[in-house]
Amino acid sequence: MATGTEPPDTEPRAPGGGAGAGTRAAIAVPHLRTDRWWLAPAATAAGLLAFIVYSTWRAFADADYYAAPYVSPFYSPCLAERCRTMHAGPNADLFGSWWAISPAIIILIFPLGFRLTCYYYRKAYYRGFWLSPPACAVAEPHRKYTGETRFPLILQNLHRYFFYAALLVAGVLTYDTVLAFRDPHYHWGHMGLGTLVFLVNIVLIWAYTLSCHSCRHIVGGRLKHFSRHPVRYRMWGFISRLNARHMLLAWTSLFSVALADFYVYLVASGAFDDPRFF
């Protein structure tokens, strides 16, 4: 509370708004943290950048994405006529013959949109790439902040719709995992190392998708009386427990989907033979 007895302000103030505005404490240094606060945003940026480089290469490669019975999650479902036909796989030539570039571009739009608008990934790349802010108690370099009310950040509000698309993609990948219980001659009742890779991937994909904040809100966010909806309350409780691990699931599922694609690439390119358990 102002008393009229405060000493005169002689410390330099940063121009404009933000942490250096006149309404803030008069601290000349950008922050008072002495730990290695930059490690977390730097590691986040490095991890996301590595996935971006890898997924971009694989998406535009347009090759080595199918080795019976495995299909890369980057290329499933097959929505272009030029896509390699997968035996009993999710083939739906909706885009016909006019689609000239890699068919993976069609598919990756939906999981990419879901992850870009995800609440955790917003925090991750806001801090890692935009430094907004780079870490707790560290002022961001931007002089102006408008939130997610203007283009392009206003598109973050599409997250709930990308969630529905992510459910469809997860359903297709589940079907691909079921098909992985075949041998290269499409006979059922077999399992290889790739089957195990696909199983781990689909479990993590579903766990990450269902732990989404939008999913939690859809299941029980609008309920006023949980006692009147016991089934939805149990579902909400389960999703809430997953939601507490949303960051961990975001990273592990990102790694697993890249691993599943890379495994298919190794088998399809002939660099690795898929070991069969039975």
Protein backbone atom coordinates (compact mmCIF):
# COMPACT_ATOMS: atom_id res chain seq x y z
CA MET A 1 0.00 0.00 0.00
CA ALA A 2 1.35 3.42 -0.93
CA THR A 3 2.13 5.61 2.13
CA GLY A 4 3.90 8.52 0.51
CA THR A 5 7.16 7.61 2.26
CA GLU A 6 8.64 5.35 -0.43
CA PRO A 7 12.17 6.23 -1.58
CA PRO A 8 12.47 7.73 -5.03
CA ASP A 9 12.75 5.28 -7.90
CA THR A 10 16.29 5.44 -9.22
CA GLU A 11 16.58 1.96 -10.75
CA PRO A 12 16.47 1.73 -14.55
CA ARG A 13 13.21 0.43 -16.00
CA ALA A 14 12.78 -1.48 -19.22
CA PRO A 15 10.74 0.41 -21.80
CA GLY A 16 7.23 -0.75 -22.61
CA GLY A 17 5.25 -3.30 -20.63
CA GLY A 18 6.07 -6.71 -19.27
CA ALA A 19 8.30 -7.49 -16.32
CA GLY A 20 10.12 -4.18 -16.60
CA ALA A 21 7.00 -2.01 -16.49
CA GLY A 22 6.63 0.74 -13.92
CA THR A 23 4.09 -1.26 -11.96
CA ARG A 24 6.66 -3.99 -11.28
CA ALA A 25 9.40 -4.20 -8.68
CA ALA A 26 12.40 -2.10 -9.64
CA ILE A 27 14.92 -4.89 -10.37
CA ALA A 28 17.59 -4.09 -12.92
CA VAL A 29 18.54 -7.70 -13.76
CA PRO A 30 16.21 -9.82 -15.92
CA HIS A 31 15.81 -12.44 -13.15
CA LEU A 32 17.29 -13.58 -9.87
CA ARG A 33 17.55 -17.29 -10.61
CA THR A 34 20.99 -18.82 -10.13
CA ASP A 35 20.22 -22.38 -11.25
CA ARG A 36 20.52 -23.69 -14.80
CA TRP A 37 16.97 -22.71 -15.68
CA TRP A 38 17.77 -22.72 -19.42
CA LEU A 39 18.37 -26.49 -19.53
CA ALA A 40 14.67 -27.42 -19.52
CA PRO A 41 13.57 -25.16 -22.41
CA ALA A 42 16.73 -26.01 -24.36
CA ALA A 43 16.15 -29.76 -23.96
CA THR A 44 12.49 -29.32 -24.93
CA ALA A 45 13.39 -27.38 -28.05
CA ALA A 46 16.04 -29.95 -29.00
CA GLY A 47 13.64 -32.87 -28.57
CA LEU A 48 10.84 -31.26 -30.55
CA LEU A 49 13.24 -30.12 -33.26
CA ALA A 50 14.64 -33.64 -33.62
CA PHE A 51 11.14 -35.05 -34.11
CA ILE A 52 10.26 -32.30 -36.61
CA VAL A 53 13.35 -33.06 -38.69
CA TYR A 54 12.77 -36.82 -38.61
CA SER A 55 9.03 -36.70 -39.33
CA THR A 56 9.55 -34.21 -42.18
CA TRP A 57 12.12 -36.50 -43.79
CA ARG A 58 9.90 -39.55 -43.44
CA ALA A 59 6.75 -37.76 -44.57
CA PHE A 60 8.30 -36.55 -47.82
CA ALA A 61 10.33 -39.72 -48.44
CA ASP A 62 7.25 -41.48 -49.85
CA ALA A 63 9.03 -44.84 -49.64
CA ASP A 64 9.75 -47.75 -47.29
CA TYR A 65 6.56 -47.36 -45.30
CA TYR A 66 5.04 -50.83 -45.78
CA ALA A 67 6.58 -54.19 -44.99
CA ALA A 68 3.91 -56.86 -44.63
CA PRO A 69 2.25 -57.00 -42.21
CA TYR A 70 3.45 -53.63 -40.87
CA VAL A 71 2.51 -50.18 -42.11
CA SER A 72 4.08 -46.97 -40.83
CA PRO A 73 1.75 -44.90 -38.61
CA PHE A 74 2.80 -41.87 -40.68
CA TYR A 75 1.16 -43.38 -43.78
CA SER A 76 -1.98 -44.97 -42.37
CA PRO A 77 -4.76 -44.90 -43.47
CA CYS A 78 -3.95 -44.89 -47.18
CA LEU A 79 -6.05 -42.03 -48.61
CA ALA A 80 -4.31 -41.49 -51.96
CA GLU A 81 -4.47 -43.70 -55.02
CA ARG A 82 -0.69 -43.59 -55.39
CA CYS A 83 -0.25 -45.06 -51.91
CA ARG A 84 1.06 -48.60 -51.85
CA THR A 85 -1.81 -51.03 -51.36
CA MET A 86 -1.75 -52.80 -48.01
CA HIS A 87 -3.28 -56.27 -47.90
CA ALA A 88 -6.53 -55.99 -45.90
CA GLY A 89 -5.22 -52.68 -44.61
CA PRO A 90 -6.97 -49.31 -44.28
CA ASN A 91 -6.98 -48.49 -47.99
CA ALA A 92 -9.41 -45.72 -48.94
CA ASP A 93 -8.45 -43.89 -52.13
CA LEU A 94 -10.45 -40.79 -51.27
CA PHE A 95 -7.97 -38.42 -52.91
CA GLY A 96 -7.78 -40.29 -56.19
CA SER A 97 -4.90 -39.96 -58.63
CA TRP A 98 -4.55 -36.16 -58.54
CA TRP A 99 -2.64 -36.20 -55.22
CA ALA A 100 0.96 -35.93 -56.43
CA ILE A 101 3.02 -35.70 -53.24
CA SER A 102 3.57 -38.11 -50.37
CA PRO A 103 0.31 -39.55 -48.97
CA ALA A 104 1.70 -39.09 -45.46
CA ILE A 105 1.03 -35.35 -45.76
CA ILE A 106 -2.70 -36.06 -45.70
CA ILE A 107 -2.53 -38.10 -42.52
CA LEU A 108 -0.03 -36.11 -40.47
CA ILE A 109 -2.20 -32.99 -40.58
CA PHE A 110 -4.55 -34.45 -37.96
CA PRO A 111 -2.15 -35.78 -35.28
CA LEU A 112 0.07 -32.74 -35.89
CA GLY A 113 -2.88 -30.39 -35.32
CA PHE A 114 -3.84 -32.31 -32.19
CA ARG A 115 -0.35 -32.07 -30.72
CA LEU A 116 0.28 -28.47 -31.78
CA THR A 117 -2.88 -27.33 -29.98
CA CYS A 118 -2.36 -29.65 -26.98
CA TYR A 119 -2.17 -27.77 -23.68
CA TYR A 120 1.15 -29.35 -22.74
CA TYR A 121 2.78 -28.88 -26.13
CA ARG A 122 1.72 -25.23 -26.11
CA LYS A 123 3.72 -24.77 -22.92
CA ALA A 124 6.60 -26.76 -24.38
CA TYR A 125 7.12 -24.87 -27.61
CA TYR A 126 6.06 -21.50 -26.19
CA ARG A 127 8.96 -21.81 -23.76
CA GLY A 128 11.37 -23.74 -25.96
CA PHE A 129 11.07 -21.71 -29.17
CA TRP A 130 9.25 -18.45 -28.42
CA LEU A 131 10.65 -17.90 -24.91
CA SER A 132 7.18 -16.91 -23.73
CA PRO A 133 8.34 -17.13 -20.99
CA PRO A 134 11.49 -19.27 -21.15
CA ALA A 135 11.09 -20.45 -17.53
CA CYS A 136 9.33 -19.62 -14.29
CA ALA A 137 10.42 -16.28 -12.80
CA VAL A 138 12.34 -15.43 -15.98
CA ALA A 139 10.99 -12.49 -17.92
CA GLU A 140 10.15 -13.07 -21.56
CA PRO A 141 11.84 -10.83 -24.14
CA HIS A 142 8.56 -9.81 -25.76
CA ARG A 143 7.25 -6.35 -24.97
CA LYS A 144 3.66 -7.14 -25.88
CA TYR A 145 1.40 -10.08 -25.10
CA THR A 146 -2.01 -10.60 -26.67
CA GLY A 147 -2.65 -14.17 -25.56
CA GLU A 148 -4.44 -16.57 -27.87
CA THR A 149 -6.91 -14.01 -29.16
CA ARG A 150 -5.29 -13.20 -32.51
CA PHE A 151 -4.06 -15.11 -35.53
CA PRO A 152 -2.28 -17.49 -35.53
CA LEU A 153 -2.60 -18.41 -31.84
CA ILE A 154 -6.38 -18.12 -31.95
CA LEU A 155 -6.28 -21.42 -33.87
CA GLN A 156 -5.38 -23.09 -30.57
CA ASN A 157 -9.12 -23.06 -29.88
CA LEU A 158 -9.50 -25.82 -32.48
CA HIS A 159 -7.97 -28.31 -30.06
CA ARG A 160 -11.29 -29.92 -29.13
CA TYR A 161 -12.01 -30.62 -32.81
CA PHE A 162 -8.56 -32.04 -33.45
CA PHE A 163 -9.28 -34.34 -30.50
CA TYR A 164 -12.13 -35.98 -32.43
CA ALA A 165 -9.83 -36.44 -35.43
CA ALA A 166 -7.16 -37.91 -33.13
CA LEU A 167 -9.69 -40.51 -31.95
CA LEU A 168 -10.23 -41.62 -35.55
CA VAL A 169 -6.48 -41.81 -36.17
CA ALA A 170 -5.99 -43.84 -32.99
CA GLY A 171 -8.76 -46.18 -34.15
CA VAL A 172 -6.99 -46.76 -37.47
CA LEU A 173 -3.67 -47.39 -35.73
CA THR A 174 -5.43 -49.89 -33.48
CA TYR A 175 -6.60 -51.72 -36.59
CA ASP A 176 -3.04 -51.67 -37.93
CA THR A 177 -1.86 -53.20 -34.66
CA VAL A 178 -4.39 -56.02 -34.99
CA LEU A 179 -3.15 -56.68 -38.53
CA ALA A 180 0.38 -56.91 -37.14
CA PHE A 181 -0.56 -60.30 -35.66
CA ARG A 182 0.06 -61.85 -39.06
CA ASP A 183 3.16 -63.12 -40.79
CA PRO A 184 4.57 -61.70 -44.04
CA HIS A 185 2.23 -64.06 -45.95
CA TYR A 186 -0.81 -62.61 -44.13
CA HIS A 187 -1.50 -65.73 -42.06
CA TRP A 188 -3.04 -65.00 -38.68
CA GLY A 189 -1.82 -66.05 -35.26
CA HIS A 190 1.77 -64.86 -35.54
CA MET A 191 3.81 -62.27 -33.69
CA GLY A 192 7.08 -60.56 -34.45
CA LEU A 193 9.19 -57.89 -32.81
CA GLY A 194 7.32 -55.35 -34.90
CA THR A 195 4.04 -56.52 -33.36
CA LEU A 196 5.43 -55.70 -29.92
CA VAL A 197 6.59 -52.28 -31.15
CA PHE A 198 3.11 -51.58 -32.51
CA LEU A 199 1.45 -52.75 -29.28
CA VAL A 200 3.55 -50.42 -27.13
CA ASN A 201 2.92 -47.56 -29.55
CA ILE A 202 -0.88 -47.94 -29.64
CA VAL A 203 -1.11 -48.18 -25.84
CA LEU A 204 0.85 -44.94 -25.50
CA ILE A 205 -1.13 -43.26 -28.29
CA TRP A 206 -4.45 -44.09 -26.59
CA ALA A 207 -3.12 -43.08 -23.17
CA TYR A 208 -1.93 -39.73 -24.49
CA THR A 209 -5.14 -39.11 -26.46
CA LEU A 210 -7.46 -39.96 -23.57
CA SER A 211 -5.39 -37.95 -21.08
CA CYS A 212 -6.14 -34.84 -23.12
CA HIS A 213 -7.75 -31.96 -21.19
CA SER A 214 -10.54 -31.77 -23.77
CA CYS A 215 -11.34 -35.45 -23.24
CA ARG A 216 -11.48 -34.91 -19.48
CA HIS A 217 -13.88 -32.01 -19.96
CA ILE A 218 -16.08 -33.92 -22.41
CA VAL A 219 -16.42 -36.86 -20.03
CA GLY A 220 -17.20 -34.98 -16.83
CA GLY A 221 -16.46 -31.29 -17.14
CA ARG A 222 -20.08 -30.18 -17.41
CA LEU A 223 -21.53 -32.40 -14.70
CA LYS A 224 -22.91 -30.58 -11.67
CA HIS A 225 -23.67 -33.69 -9.62
CA PHE A 226 -21.28 -36.61 -9.93
CA SER A 227 -23.55 -38.71 -7.71
CA ARG A 228 -26.17 -38.74 -10.47
CA HIS A 229 -23.68 -39.96 -13.06
CA PRO A 230 -21.61 -42.71 -11.39
CA VAL A 231 -20.34 -44.21 -14.66
CA ARG A 232 -19.16 -40.90 -16.05
CA TYR A 233 -17.65 -40.06 -12.68
CA ARG A 234 -15.52 -43.23 -12.77
CA MET A 235 -14.48 -42.43 -16.32
CA TRP A 236 -13.65 -38.88 -15.30
CA GLY A 237 -11.57 -40.16 -12.39
CA PHE A 238 -9.65 -42.54 -14.65
CA ILE A 239 -8.97 -39.83 -17.23
CA SER A 240 -7.97 -37.41 -14.46
CA ARG A 241 -5.30 -39.87 -13.30
CA LEU A 242 -4.05 -40.10 -16.87
CA ASN A 243 -4.21 -36.33 -17.19
CA ALA A 244 -1.79 -35.97 -14.28
CA ARG A 245 0.78 -37.76 -16.48
CA HIS A 246 -0.10 -35.89 -19.65
CA MET A 247 3.41 -34.50 -20.13
CA LEU A 248 5.05 -37.92 -19.74
CA LEU A 249 2.54 -39.50 -22.11
CA ALA A 250 3.05 -36.70 -24.63
CA TRP A 251 6.78 -37.41 -24.84
CA THR A 252 6.64 -41.21 -24.70
CA SER A 253 3.93 -41.41 -27.38
CA LEU A 254 5.91 -39.00 -29.56
CA PHE A 255 8.94 -41.27 -29.23
CA SER A 256 6.93 -44.47 -29.77
CA VAL A 257 5.25 -43.30 -32.98
CA ALA A 258 8.65 -42.30 -34.39
CA LEU A 259 10.08 -45.65 -33.31
CA ALA A 260 7.23 -47.55 -34.98
CA ASP A 261 7.80 -45.66 -38.22
CA PHE A 262 11.56 -46.18 -38.04
CA TYR A 263 11.10 -49.90 -37.42
CA VAL A 264 8.92 -50.22 -40.52
CA TYR A 265 11.50 -48.23 -42.47
CA LEU A 266 14.30 -50.61 -41.42
CA VAL A 267 12.28 -53.71 -42.37
CA ALA A 268 10.93 -52.25 -45.63
CA SER A 269 14.35 -51.02 -46.76
CA GLY A 270 15.92 -54.43 -46.09
CA ALA A 271 18.26 -53.11 -43.39
CA PHE A 272 16.71 -55.33 -40.73
CA ASP A 273 14.82 -58.64 -40.66
CA ASP A 274 11.79 -58.75 -38.41
CA PRO A 275 12.37 -61.49 -35.78
CA ARG A 276 9.33 -63.74 -35.39
CA PHE A 277 8.40 -65.03 -31.93
CA PHE A 278 5.79 -67.50 -33.19
